Amino acid sequence: MNNPISPLPADPHTAFVGHRILAAGALSDVALAVRQAMDEGHDATILVFDDLSGKQVDLDLSGNHAAIAERHRVRIDPAAPAPEAPASLVDDAQPRGRGRPKLGVVAREVTLLPRHWDWLGAQPGGASVVLRKLVEQARRDNEAQDRRRERQEAAYRFMSSMAGNLPGFEEATRALYANDRERFTQQIAGWPEDVRGYAMGLAWGAPDEAAAG
C-alpha cells in the first residue's frame, strides 16, 4: 500500500538549535517545536529561517500552544482577489472604445524616443499590444537568471547568519555568486551537516549529495 505524499506547507520554515535542525515544516509547527525546546530548557541559540527567502524569522511564543499555533498559521482567504496583472503601458494614440473591457490592464505613462514610437506604431496591434508582448518575452528570457539570483540571495542570507564564522565562508560566497556548485561544495565540506545541506538546498534546490561524503 502506497503512503500518500504530504503536500509541502505554504509557508515552509526551518528552525536550527545551534548548527542542528530542530524542526522543519509549516511556521506554526516550527513555532510549537521551538516553544517546546525552550520549555525543555535548551540553552543554545535557536534561529528560524524562511525556506523560500533564507530570511531569519522572529517568533512570538507568548501564550499557550493553541495561541502560538494560531498566531503563526498562514491564512489563505479563498475570496481574496487575485494578484494584480502586470501593469501595461497604454498607447494614448489608441483610444479605448466605449464599453471595451479593461481586462485588468493598468494605464501608466511611458516615455520613448520618437524613433521608438515610430517603430511601435508600425507594428500590428498598436503600441500597447507590442509593449506587452515585449515585456512578457523579456520576463520569460530572464526567468532562469532571476530565479538563480533569488536562490543566491536566499543562500547568502542564511549563510551570513549561520556560517559567517565557519571556515571557507568567504570562498563559498564567491563560488555561490559565480554559480560554481562544485567549488561551493568543496568550500562547505567541513561545515556541520545540517547547515551544509540547508545552504545547498537554498542555493541549488537540491540536497547536499555532493558534500555528504
N, C-alpha and C. Protein backbone atom coordinates (compact mmCIF):
# COMPACT_ATOMS: atom_id res chain seq x y z
N MET A 1 0.85 -1.19 0.00
CA MET A 1 0.00 0.00 0.00
C MET A 1 0.88 1.23 0.00
N ASN A 2 0.63 2.13 -0.95
CA ASN A 2 1.45 3.33 -1.05
C ASN A 2 0.95 4.38 -0.09
N ASN A 3 1.89 5.00 0.62
CA ASN A 3 1.53 6.08 1.52
C ASN A 3 1.40 7.37 0.73
N PRO A 4 0.35 8.15 0.97
CA PRO A 4 0.22 9.42 0.25
C PRO A 4 1.34 10.37 0.64
N ILE A 5 1.77 11.14 -0.34
CA ILE A 5 2.83 12.11 -0.09
C ILE A 5 2.21 13.38 0.47
N SER A 6 2.68 13.81 1.61
CA SER A 6 2.14 15.02 2.24
C SER A 6 2.53 16.24 1.41
N PRO A 7 1.59 17.14 1.16
CA PRO A 7 1.92 18.33 0.39
C PRO A 7 2.84 19.24 1.19
N LEU A 8 3.68 19.96 0.47
CA LEU A 8 4.56 20.91 1.14
C LEU A 8 3.73 22.03 1.74
N PRO A 9 4.12 22.53 2.91
CA PRO A 9 3.36 23.63 3.51
C PRO A 9 3.49 24.89 2.67
N ALA A 10 2.49 25.77 2.79
CA ALA A 10 2.54 27.02 2.04
C ALA A 10 3.59 27.96 2.59
N ASP A 11 4.02 27.71 3.81
CA ASP A 11 4.98 28.60 4.47
C ASP A 11 6.12 27.78 5.07
N PRO A 12 6.94 27.10 4.26
CA PRO A 12 7.98 26.23 4.82
C PRO A 12 9.05 27.01 5.56
N HIS A 13 9.34 26.55 6.77
CA HIS A 13 10.37 27.17 7.62
C HIS A 13 11.21 26.07 8.26
N THR A 14 12.39 26.45 8.71
CA THR A 14 13.28 25.51 9.39
C THR A 14 13.88 26.20 10.61
N ALA A 15 13.88 25.49 11.74
CA ALA A 15 14.48 26.00 12.97
C ALA A 15 15.78 25.26 13.24
N PHE A 16 16.79 26.02 13.61
CA PHE A 16 18.09 25.45 13.98
C PHE A 16 18.35 25.71 15.45
N VAL A 17 18.80 24.69 16.15
CA VAL A 17 19.31 24.87 17.50
C VAL A 17 20.81 24.64 17.39
N GLY A 18 21.56 25.71 17.55
CA GLY A 18 22.97 25.64 17.22
C GLY A 18 23.11 25.40 15.73
N HIS A 19 23.88 24.39 15.36
CA HIS A 19 24.07 24.05 13.94
C HIS A 19 23.24 22.83 13.53
N ARG A 20 22.27 22.45 14.36
CA ARG A 20 21.47 21.27 14.08
C ARG A 20 20.02 21.66 13.83
N ILE A 21 19.40 21.02 12.85
CA ILE A 21 17.99 21.30 12.57
C ILE A 21 17.12 20.76 13.71
N LEU A 22 16.31 21.64 14.25
CA LEU A 22 15.39 21.26 15.32
C LEU A 22 14.04 20.82 14.75
N ALA A 23 13.55 21.57 13.77
CA ALA A 23 12.24 21.27 13.19
C ALA A 23 12.15 21.92 11.83
N ALA A 24 11.29 21.36 10.98
CA ALA A 24 11.06 21.91 9.65
C ALA A 24 9.62 21.66 9.27
N GLY A 25 9.01 22.62 8.59
CA GLY A 25 7.62 22.47 8.17
C GLY A 25 6.92 23.81 8.17
N ALA A 26 5.60 23.77 8.34
CA ALA A 26 4.82 25.00 8.41
C ALA A 26 5.27 25.83 9.60
N LEU A 27 5.16 27.15 9.48
CA LEU A 27 5.66 28.03 10.53
C LEU A 27 4.99 27.75 11.87
N SER A 28 3.70 27.43 11.86
CA SER A 28 3.00 27.16 13.12
C SER A 28 3.59 25.93 13.81
N ASP A 29 3.91 24.90 13.02
CA ASP A 29 4.51 23.69 13.60
C ASP A 29 5.92 23.95 14.12
N VAL A 30 6.67 24.72 13.36
CA VAL A 30 8.04 25.05 13.78
C VAL A 30 8.01 25.88 15.05
N ALA A 31 7.08 26.83 15.13
CA ALA A 31 6.97 27.67 16.32
C ALA A 31 6.68 26.83 17.56
N LEU A 32 5.80 25.85 17.42
CA LEU A 32 5.49 24.98 18.56
C LEU A 32 6.70 24.15 18.97
N ALA A 33 7.47 23.69 17.99
CA ALA A 33 8.67 22.91 18.30
C ALA A 33 9.70 23.77 19.02
N VAL A 34 9.82 25.01 18.62
CA VAL A 34 10.75 25.92 19.29
C VAL A 34 10.30 26.18 20.72
N ARG A 35 9.00 26.41 20.90
CA ARG A 35 8.47 26.64 22.25
C ARG A 35 8.72 25.42 23.13
N GLN A 36 8.51 24.22 22.60
CA GLN A 36 8.74 23.01 23.37
C GLN A 36 10.21 22.88 23.76
N ALA A 37 11.09 23.19 22.82
CA ALA A 37 12.53 23.12 23.12
C ALA A 37 12.90 24.10 24.22
N MET A 38 12.31 25.28 24.19
CA MET A 38 12.59 26.26 25.23
C MET A 38 12.03 25.79 26.57
N ASP A 39 10.84 25.20 26.55
CA ASP A 39 10.25 24.69 27.79
C ASP A 39 11.10 23.57 28.39
N GLU A 40 11.79 22.82 27.50
CA GLU A 40 12.63 21.72 27.97
C GLU A 40 14.00 22.19 28.43
N GLY A 41 14.24 23.49 28.33
CA GLY A 41 15.47 24.05 28.87
C GLY A 41 16.64 24.13 27.91
N HIS A 42 16.40 24.07 26.61
CA HIS A 42 17.50 24.24 25.66
C HIS A 42 18.10 25.63 25.84
N ASP A 43 19.41 25.68 26.07
CA ASP A 43 20.03 26.98 26.27
C ASP A 43 20.80 27.44 25.04
N ALA A 44 20.89 26.61 24.00
CA ALA A 44 21.56 27.02 22.76
C ALA A 44 20.66 27.98 21.99
N THR A 45 21.28 28.82 21.19
CA THR A 45 20.53 29.77 20.38
C THR A 45 19.69 29.03 19.34
N ILE A 46 18.43 29.41 19.23
CA ILE A 46 17.52 28.83 18.24
C ILE A 46 17.18 29.90 17.22
N LEU A 47 17.44 29.61 15.96
CA LEU A 47 17.13 30.53 14.88
C LEU A 47 16.18 29.86 13.91
N VAL A 48 15.25 30.64 13.38
CA VAL A 48 14.26 30.14 12.43
C VAL A 48 14.42 30.87 11.11
N PHE A 49 14.37 30.10 10.01
CA PHE A 49 14.58 30.68 8.68
C PHE A 49 13.42 30.33 7.76
N ASP A 50 13.09 31.29 6.90
CA ASP A 50 12.12 31.07 5.83
C ASP A 50 12.80 30.27 4.74
N ASP A 51 12.25 29.11 4.39
CA ASP A 51 12.89 28.23 3.41
C ASP A 51 12.89 28.80 2.00
N LEU A 52 12.06 29.79 1.73
CA LEU A 52 11.99 30.36 0.39
C LEU A 52 12.93 31.54 0.21
N SER A 53 13.06 32.36 1.24
CA SER A 53 13.87 33.58 1.13
C SER A 53 15.19 33.51 1.87
N GLY A 54 15.34 32.53 2.78
CA GLY A 54 16.54 32.46 3.60
C GLY A 54 16.58 33.50 4.71
N LYS A 55 15.52 34.27 4.87
CA LYS A 55 15.49 35.31 5.89
C LYS A 55 15.23 34.71 7.26
N GLN A 56 15.85 35.32 8.26
CA GLN A 56 15.61 34.91 9.64
C GLN A 56 14.26 35.44 10.09
N VAL A 57 13.51 34.63 10.82
CA VAL A 57 12.16 34.96 11.24
C VAL A 57 12.10 35.04 12.75
N ASP A 58 11.48 36.09 13.26
CA ASP A 58 11.26 36.24 14.70
C ASP A 58 9.90 35.65 15.06
N LEU A 59 9.86 34.90 16.13
CA LEU A 59 8.62 34.27 16.58
C LEU A 59 8.10 34.95 17.84
N ASP A 60 6.78 34.96 17.97
CA ASP A 60 6.13 35.41 19.20
C ASP A 60 5.61 34.16 19.90
N LEU A 61 6.32 33.73 20.93
CA LEU A 61 6.00 32.47 21.59
C LEU A 61 5.25 32.67 22.90
N SER A 62 4.62 33.81 23.05
CA SER A 62 3.84 34.05 24.26
C SER A 62 2.51 33.30 24.20
N GLY A 63 1.95 33.01 25.37
CA GLY A 63 0.67 32.32 25.43
C GLY A 63 0.82 30.82 25.39
N ASN A 64 -0.34 30.13 25.32
CA ASN A 64 -0.31 28.66 25.29
C ASN A 64 -0.06 28.17 23.87
N HIS A 65 0.01 26.84 23.73
CA HIS A 65 0.35 26.26 22.43
C HIS A 65 -0.70 26.60 21.37
N ALA A 66 -1.96 26.61 21.75
CA ALA A 66 -3.01 26.92 20.78
C ALA A 66 -2.86 28.35 20.26
N ALA A 67 -2.54 29.27 21.16
CA ALA A 67 -2.36 30.66 20.76
C ALA A 67 -1.16 30.82 19.85
N ILE A 68 -0.08 30.10 20.16
CA ILE A 68 1.12 30.18 19.33
C ILE A 68 0.84 29.64 17.93
N ALA A 69 0.17 28.50 17.86
CA ALA A 69 -0.14 27.90 16.55
C ALA A 69 -1.02 28.82 15.73
N GLU A 70 -2.03 29.39 16.36
CA GLU A 70 -2.94 30.29 15.65
C GLU A 70 -2.22 31.54 15.17
N ARG A 71 -1.34 32.05 15.98
CA ARG A 71 -0.62 33.29 15.65
C ARG A 71 0.29 33.12 14.44
N HIS A 72 0.84 31.92 14.28
CA HIS A 72 1.81 31.69 13.21
C HIS A 72 1.24 30.88 12.05
N ARG A 73 -0.06 30.71 12.03
CA ARG A 73 -0.67 29.96 10.94
C ARG A 73 -0.91 30.88 9.75
N VAL A 74 -0.52 30.42 8.58
CA VAL A 74 -0.76 31.20 7.37
C VAL A 74 -2.22 31.08 6.99
N ARG A 75 -2.83 32.21 6.75
CA ARG A 75 -4.24 32.22 6.38
C ARG A 75 -4.36 32.47 4.88
N ILE A 76 -5.04 31.56 4.20
CA ILE A 76 -5.28 31.71 2.77
C ILE A 76 -6.76 31.93 2.57
N ASP A 77 -7.11 33.14 2.18
CA ASP A 77 -8.51 33.51 2.01
C ASP A 77 -8.93 33.20 0.57
N PRO A 78 -9.83 32.22 0.37
CA PRO A 78 -10.23 31.88 -0.99
C PRO A 78 -10.95 33.01 -1.69
N ALA A 79 -11.48 33.96 -0.91
CA ALA A 79 -12.19 35.08 -1.51
C ALA A 79 -11.28 36.26 -1.81
N ALA A 80 -10.00 36.12 -1.45
CA ALA A 80 -9.08 37.22 -1.69
C ALA A 80 -8.91 37.45 -3.18
N PRO A 81 -8.78 38.71 -3.60
CA PRO A 81 -8.62 39.00 -5.02
C PRO A 81 -7.31 38.44 -5.55
N ALA A 82 -7.31 38.06 -6.80
CA ALA A 82 -6.10 37.55 -7.43
C ALA A 82 -5.08 38.67 -7.54
N PRO A 83 -3.78 38.33 -7.58
CA PRO A 83 -2.77 39.36 -7.73
C PRO A 83 -3.02 40.19 -8.97
N GLU A 84 -2.71 41.47 -8.86
CA GLU A 84 -2.92 42.38 -9.98
C GLU A 84 -2.06 41.99 -11.16
N ALA A 85 -2.64 42.03 -12.33
CA ALA A 85 -1.88 41.70 -13.53
C ALA A 85 -0.76 42.70 -13.71
N PRO A 86 0.32 42.32 -14.38
CA PRO A 86 1.41 43.25 -14.62
C PRO A 86 0.91 44.51 -15.29
N ALA A 87 1.39 45.64 -14.81
CA ALA A 87 0.95 46.92 -15.36
C ALA A 87 1.32 46.99 -16.83
N SER A 88 0.39 47.41 -17.64
CA SER A 88 0.67 47.54 -19.07
C SER A 88 0.89 49.00 -19.39
N LEU A 89 1.53 49.22 -20.48
CA LEU A 89 1.80 50.56 -20.95
C LEU A 89 0.82 50.85 -22.08
N VAL A 90 -0.04 51.81 -21.86
CA VAL A 90 -1.13 52.05 -22.78
C VAL A 90 -0.77 53.15 -23.75
N ASP A 91 -1.02 52.92 -25.01
CA ASP A 91 -0.74 53.88 -26.06
C ASP A 91 -1.87 54.90 -26.10
N ASP A 92 -1.53 56.16 -25.77
CA ASP A 92 -2.56 57.19 -25.77
C ASP A 92 -3.11 57.44 -27.17
N ALA A 93 -2.34 57.06 -28.17
CA ALA A 93 -2.78 57.29 -29.54
C ALA A 93 -3.85 56.28 -29.96
N GLN A 94 -4.05 55.23 -29.16
CA GLN A 94 -5.07 54.23 -29.45
C GLN A 94 -6.18 54.35 -28.43
N PRO A 95 -7.18 55.21 -28.64
CA PRO A 95 -8.25 55.41 -27.66
C PRO A 95 -9.04 54.14 -27.44
N ARG A 96 -9.44 53.93 -26.21
CA ARG A 96 -10.21 52.75 -25.84
C ARG A 96 -11.67 52.96 -26.25
N GLY A 97 -12.24 52.02 -26.98
CA GLY A 97 -13.61 52.16 -27.42
C GLY A 97 -14.59 52.09 -26.27
N ARG A 98 -15.75 52.70 -26.48
CA ARG A 98 -16.77 52.69 -25.43
C ARG A 98 -17.22 51.25 -25.16
N GLY A 99 -17.22 50.90 -23.88
CA GLY A 99 -17.66 49.58 -23.49
C GLY A 99 -16.60 48.51 -23.63
N ARG A 100 -15.41 48.85 -24.06
CA ARG A 100 -14.35 47.85 -24.22
C ARG A 100 -13.86 47.39 -22.85
N PRO A 101 -13.80 46.10 -22.59
CA PRO A 101 -13.34 45.63 -21.28
C PRO A 101 -11.89 46.00 -21.02
N LYS A 102 -11.59 46.29 -19.76
CA LYS A 102 -10.23 46.69 -19.39
C LYS A 102 -9.29 45.50 -19.25
N LEU A 103 -9.84 44.33 -18.97
CA LEU A 103 -9.04 43.10 -18.89
C LEU A 103 -7.92 43.18 -17.87
N GLY A 104 -8.09 44.00 -16.84
CA GLY A 104 -7.10 44.05 -15.77
C GLY A 104 -5.87 44.87 -16.07
N VAL A 105 -5.83 45.54 -17.21
CA VAL A 105 -4.64 46.33 -17.52
C VAL A 105 -4.67 47.64 -16.76
N VAL A 106 -3.50 48.23 -16.58
CA VAL A 106 -3.35 49.48 -15.85
C VAL A 106 -2.66 50.49 -16.74
N ALA A 107 -3.22 51.67 -16.86
CA ALA A 107 -2.64 52.70 -17.71
C ALA A 107 -1.55 53.45 -16.95
N ARG A 108 -0.37 53.54 -17.55
CA ARG A 108 0.72 54.32 -16.99
C ARG A 108 1.47 55.02 -18.11
N GLU A 109 2.08 56.12 -17.77
CA GLU A 109 2.80 56.88 -18.79
C GLU A 109 4.15 56.24 -19.08
N VAL A 110 4.54 56.26 -20.33
CA VAL A 110 5.85 55.77 -20.72
C VAL A 110 6.45 56.77 -21.71
N THR A 111 7.74 57.04 -21.55
CA THR A 111 8.42 57.98 -22.44
C THR A 111 9.42 57.23 -23.29
N LEU A 112 9.35 57.45 -24.60
CA LEU A 112 10.26 56.83 -25.56
C LEU A 112 10.75 57.87 -26.55
N LEU A 113 11.80 57.54 -27.23
CA LEU A 113 12.30 58.41 -28.29
C LEU A 113 11.36 58.34 -29.49
N PRO A 114 11.35 59.38 -30.32
CA PRO A 114 10.45 59.37 -31.48
C PRO A 114 10.60 58.14 -32.37
N ARG A 115 11.83 57.67 -32.55
CA ARG A 115 12.02 56.51 -33.42
C ARG A 115 11.41 55.25 -32.81
N HIS A 116 11.36 55.23 -31.46
CA HIS A 116 10.72 54.09 -30.81
C HIS A 116 9.22 54.11 -31.05
N TRP A 117 8.63 55.30 -30.93
CA TRP A 117 7.19 55.41 -31.18
C TRP A 117 6.87 55.09 -32.64
N ASP A 118 7.76 55.53 -33.55
CA ASP A 118 7.53 55.23 -34.97
C ASP A 118 7.51 53.72 -35.21
N TRP A 119 8.46 53.03 -34.57
CA TRP A 119 8.54 51.58 -34.76
C TRP A 119 7.32 50.89 -34.16
N LEU A 120 6.93 51.32 -32.94
CA LEU A 120 5.77 50.73 -32.30
C LEU A 120 4.50 50.96 -33.12
N GLY A 121 4.38 52.17 -33.66
CA GLY A 121 3.19 52.49 -34.42
C GLY A 121 3.05 51.68 -35.70
N ALA A 122 4.17 51.17 -36.19
CA ALA A 122 4.14 50.40 -37.44
C ALA A 122 3.86 48.92 -37.20
N GLN A 123 3.79 48.50 -35.92
CA GLN A 123 3.59 47.09 -35.61
C GLN A 123 2.10 46.75 -35.55
N PRO A 124 1.75 45.54 -35.92
CA PRO A 124 0.34 45.12 -35.85
C PRO A 124 -0.17 45.15 -34.41
N GLY A 125 -1.37 45.65 -34.23
CA GLY A 125 -1.99 45.64 -32.92
C GLY A 125 -1.79 46.90 -32.11
N GLY A 126 -0.91 47.78 -32.52
CA GLY A 126 -0.70 49.01 -31.78
C GLY A 126 0.37 48.90 -30.72
N ALA A 127 0.75 50.04 -30.16
CA ALA A 127 1.87 50.10 -29.22
C ALA A 127 1.62 49.28 -27.96
N SER A 128 0.40 49.32 -27.42
CA SER A 128 0.13 48.62 -26.16
C SER A 128 0.34 47.12 -26.30
N VAL A 129 -0.18 46.56 -27.37
CA VAL A 129 -0.04 45.12 -27.60
C VAL A 129 1.42 44.75 -27.76
N VAL A 130 2.15 45.53 -28.53
CA VAL A 130 3.56 45.23 -28.78
C VAL A 130 4.36 45.33 -27.49
N LEU A 131 4.11 46.37 -26.70
CA LEU A 131 4.85 46.54 -25.45
C LEU A 131 4.58 45.40 -24.48
N ARG A 132 3.32 44.97 -24.40
CA ARG A 132 3.01 43.84 -23.52
C ARG A 132 3.74 42.58 -23.95
N LYS A 133 3.78 42.35 -25.26
CA LYS A 133 4.49 41.17 -25.77
C LYS A 133 5.98 41.26 -25.47
N LEU A 134 6.56 42.45 -25.62
CA LEU A 134 7.99 42.62 -25.35
C LEU A 134 8.30 42.38 -23.87
N VAL A 135 7.43 42.89 -22.99
CA VAL A 135 7.65 42.70 -21.56
C VAL A 135 7.55 41.23 -21.19
N GLU A 136 6.54 40.54 -21.71
CA GLU A 136 6.37 39.12 -21.39
C GLU A 136 7.54 38.30 -21.93
N GLN A 137 8.03 38.65 -23.12
CA GLN A 137 9.17 37.93 -23.68
C GLN A 137 10.40 38.14 -22.82
N ALA A 138 10.61 39.39 -22.36
CA ALA A 138 11.76 39.68 -21.50
C ALA A 138 11.66 38.92 -20.19
N ARG A 139 10.45 38.83 -19.64
CA ARG A 139 10.27 38.07 -18.40
C ARG A 139 10.63 36.60 -18.60
N ARG A 140 10.18 36.04 -19.70
CA ARG A 140 10.49 34.62 -19.97
C ARG A 140 11.99 34.42 -20.18
N ASP A 141 12.60 35.34 -20.92
CA ASP A 141 14.03 35.21 -21.22
C ASP A 141 14.87 35.30 -19.96
N ASN A 142 14.43 36.11 -18.99
CA ASN A 142 15.23 36.35 -17.78
C ASN A 142 14.78 35.50 -16.60
N GLU A 143 13.81 34.63 -16.81
CA GLU A 143 13.24 33.88 -15.68
C GLU A 143 14.30 33.04 -14.97
N ALA A 144 15.10 32.31 -15.74
CA ALA A 144 16.12 31.46 -15.13
C ALA A 144 17.16 32.28 -14.38
N GLN A 145 17.56 33.40 -14.98
CA GLN A 145 18.55 34.26 -14.33
C GLN A 145 17.99 34.87 -13.05
N ASP A 146 16.73 35.31 -13.10
CA ASP A 146 16.12 35.90 -11.91
C ASP A 146 15.98 34.86 -10.80
N ARG A 147 15.60 33.64 -11.17
CA ARG A 147 15.46 32.59 -10.16
C ARG A 147 16.80 32.25 -9.54
N ARG A 148 17.85 32.22 -10.35
CA ARG A 148 19.18 31.93 -9.81
C ARG A 148 19.61 33.03 -8.84
N ARG A 149 19.34 34.28 -9.19
CA ARG A 149 19.70 35.38 -8.30
C ARG A 149 18.94 35.29 -6.99
N GLU A 150 17.66 34.94 -7.05
CA GLU A 150 16.88 34.79 -5.82
C GLU A 150 17.44 33.69 -4.94
N ARG A 151 17.83 32.57 -5.55
CA ARG A 151 18.41 31.47 -4.77
C ARG A 151 19.73 31.88 -4.14
N GLN A 152 20.55 32.60 -4.89
CA GLN A 152 21.83 33.05 -4.35
C GLN A 152 21.63 33.98 -3.16
N GLU A 153 20.69 34.90 -3.29
CA GLU A 153 20.44 35.84 -2.20
C GLU A 153 19.89 35.11 -0.97
N ALA A 154 19.02 34.14 -1.19
CA ALA A 154 18.47 33.37 -0.07
C ALA A 154 19.57 32.60 0.64
N ALA A 155 20.44 31.95 -0.13
CA ALA A 155 21.53 31.18 0.47
C ALA A 155 22.49 32.09 1.22
N TYR A 156 22.77 33.26 0.66
CA TYR A 156 23.71 34.17 1.33
C TYR A 156 23.14 34.68 2.64
N ARG A 157 21.84 34.98 2.67
CA ARG A 157 21.24 35.44 3.93
C ARG A 157 21.41 34.39 5.02
N PHE A 158 21.10 33.15 4.67
CA PHE A 158 21.24 32.07 5.65
C PHE A 158 22.69 31.88 6.06
N MET A 159 23.59 31.84 5.09
CA MET A 159 25.00 31.62 5.38
C MET A 159 25.56 32.72 6.26
N SER A 160 25.15 33.95 6.03
CA SER A 160 25.66 35.06 6.84
C SER A 160 25.26 34.90 8.29
N SER A 161 24.06 34.37 8.53
CA SER A 161 23.58 34.19 9.90
C SER A 161 24.18 32.96 10.57
N MET A 162 24.32 31.87 9.82
CA MET A 162 24.68 30.59 10.42
C MET A 162 26.13 30.16 10.18
N ALA A 163 26.75 30.70 9.14
CA ALA A 163 28.07 30.18 8.76
C ALA A 163 29.12 31.27 8.60
N GLY A 164 28.82 32.48 9.05
CA GLY A 164 29.76 33.58 8.86
C GLY A 164 31.11 33.34 9.49
N ASN A 165 31.14 32.56 10.56
CA ASN A 165 32.40 32.28 11.26
C ASN A 165 32.97 30.91 10.93
N LEU A 166 32.34 30.19 10.01
CA LEU A 166 32.83 28.87 9.66
C LEU A 166 33.92 28.96 8.59
N PRO A 167 34.85 28.01 8.57
CA PRO A 167 35.93 28.05 7.58
C PRO A 167 35.39 27.93 6.16
N GLY A 168 35.97 28.71 5.27
CA GLY A 168 35.56 28.65 3.87
C GLY A 168 34.39 29.53 3.51
N PHE A 169 33.90 30.33 4.48
CA PHE A 169 32.71 31.14 4.21
C PHE A 169 32.92 32.10 3.05
N GLU A 170 34.02 32.83 3.06
CA GLU A 170 34.24 33.82 2.01
C GLU A 170 34.40 33.17 0.65
N GLU A 171 35.16 32.09 0.58
CA GLU A 171 35.33 31.40 -0.69
C GLU A 171 34.02 30.77 -1.15
N ALA A 172 33.26 30.26 -0.20
CA ALA A 172 31.96 29.68 -0.56
C ALA A 172 31.02 30.75 -1.12
N THR A 173 31.09 31.95 -0.54
CA THR A 173 30.26 33.05 -1.04
C THR A 173 30.64 33.41 -2.47
N ARG A 174 31.94 33.45 -2.73
CA ARG A 174 32.39 33.75 -4.10
C ARG A 174 31.90 32.68 -5.07
N ALA A 175 32.01 31.44 -4.66
CA ALA A 175 31.56 30.34 -5.53
C ALA A 175 30.05 30.40 -5.74
N LEU A 176 29.32 30.79 -4.70
CA LEU A 176 27.87 30.90 -4.80
C LEU A 176 27.48 31.88 -5.89
N TYR A 177 28.07 33.08 -5.84
CA TYR A 177 27.70 34.11 -6.81
C TYR A 177 28.31 33.86 -8.18
N ALA A 178 29.30 32.99 -8.25
CA ALA A 178 29.84 32.58 -9.55
C ALA A 178 29.06 31.40 -10.12
N ASN A 179 28.06 30.93 -9.37
CA ASN A 179 27.25 29.78 -9.77
C ASN A 179 28.13 28.55 -9.99
N ASP A 180 29.16 28.43 -9.17
CA ASP A 180 30.10 27.31 -9.27
C ASP A 180 29.75 26.30 -8.18
N ARG A 181 28.87 25.38 -8.50
CA ARG A 181 28.39 24.43 -7.49
C ARG A 181 29.51 23.54 -6.97
N GLU A 182 30.38 23.09 -7.85
CA GLU A 182 31.46 22.18 -7.42
C GLU A 182 32.37 22.86 -6.41
N ARG A 183 32.78 24.09 -6.70
CA ARG A 183 33.68 24.80 -5.78
C ARG A 183 32.94 25.13 -4.48
N PHE A 184 31.67 25.49 -4.58
CA PHE A 184 30.88 25.78 -3.39
C PHE A 184 30.83 24.55 -2.49
N THR A 185 30.57 23.40 -3.09
CA THR A 185 30.51 22.15 -2.34
C THR A 185 31.82 21.85 -1.64
N GLN A 186 32.92 22.11 -2.31
CA GLN A 186 34.24 21.87 -1.72
C GLN A 186 34.48 22.78 -0.52
N GLN A 187 34.07 24.04 -0.64
CA GLN A 187 34.35 25.01 0.41
C GLN A 187 33.52 24.76 1.67
N ILE A 188 32.34 24.18 1.52
CA ILE A 188 31.48 23.97 2.70
C ILE A 188 31.55 22.53 3.21
N ALA A 189 32.45 21.74 2.66
CA ALA A 189 32.52 20.32 3.03
C ALA A 189 32.75 20.11 4.52
N GLY A 190 33.44 21.04 5.18
CA GLY A 190 33.72 20.89 6.60
C GLY A 190 32.67 21.50 7.51
N TRP A 191 31.62 22.05 6.96
CA TRP A 191 30.57 22.65 7.79
C TRP A 191 29.70 21.56 8.42
N PRO A 192 29.01 21.89 9.51
CA PRO A 192 28.07 20.92 10.10
C PRO A 192 27.06 20.45 9.06
N GLU A 193 26.70 19.19 9.15
CA GLU A 193 25.89 18.55 8.10
C GLU A 193 24.60 19.30 7.81
N ASP A 194 23.86 19.69 8.84
CA ASP A 194 22.57 20.33 8.61
C ASP A 194 22.73 21.71 7.99
N VAL A 195 23.74 22.45 8.41
CA VAL A 195 24.00 23.77 7.83
C VAL A 195 24.39 23.61 6.37
N ARG A 196 25.24 22.65 6.11
CA ARG A 196 25.71 22.39 4.75
C ARG A 196 24.54 22.02 3.83
N GLY A 197 23.72 21.10 4.28
CA GLY A 197 22.60 20.65 3.46
C GLY A 197 21.59 21.75 3.20
N TYR A 198 21.31 22.56 4.22
CA TYR A 198 20.32 23.62 4.05
C TYR A 198 20.83 24.69 3.10
N ALA A 199 22.11 25.03 3.22
CA ALA A 199 22.70 26.02 2.32
C ALA A 199 22.65 25.53 0.88
N MET A 200 22.97 24.25 0.67
CA MET A 200 22.91 23.69 -0.68
C MET A 200 21.49 23.71 -1.22
N GLY A 201 20.52 23.40 -0.37
CA GLY A 201 19.13 23.41 -0.80
C GLY A 201 18.66 24.79 -1.21
N LEU A 202 19.06 25.81 -0.47
CA LEU A 202 18.69 27.17 -0.84
C LEU A 202 19.36 27.59 -2.13
N ALA A 203 20.63 27.25 -2.28
CA ALA A 203 21.40 27.73 -3.42
C ALA A 203 21.04 27.03 -4.71
N TRP A 204 20.78 25.71 -4.64
CA TRP A 204 20.55 24.96 -5.87
C TRP A 204 19.27 24.12 -5.85
N GLY A 205 18.52 24.21 -4.77
CA GLY A 205 17.26 23.49 -4.72
C GLY A 205 17.43 21.99 -4.72
N ALA A 206 18.55 21.50 -4.18
CA ALA A 206 18.81 20.06 -4.16
C ALA A 206 19.50 19.70 -2.87
N PRO A 207 19.36 18.47 -2.41
CA PRO A 207 20.05 18.04 -1.19
C PRO A 207 21.56 18.11 -1.37
N ASP A 208 22.24 18.11 -0.25
CA ASP A 208 23.69 18.17 -0.26
C ASP A 208 24.28 16.79 -0.56
N GLU A 209 24.06 16.31 -1.77
CA GLU A 209 24.53 14.98 -2.12
C GLU A 209 26.04 14.96 -2.33
N ALA A 210 26.55 16.01 -2.97
CA ALA A 210 27.97 16.01 -3.32
C ALA A 210 28.85 16.09 -2.10
N ALA A 211 28.39 16.83 -1.06
CA ALA A 211 29.24 17.04 0.10
C ALA A 211 28.96 16.03 1.20
N ALA A 212 27.95 15.19 1.03
CA ALA A 212 27.58 14.27 2.11
C ALA A 212 28.69 13.29 2.42
N GLY A 213 29.47 12.96 1.42
CA GLY A 213 30.54 12.02 1.67
C GLY A 213 31.77 12.69 2.19
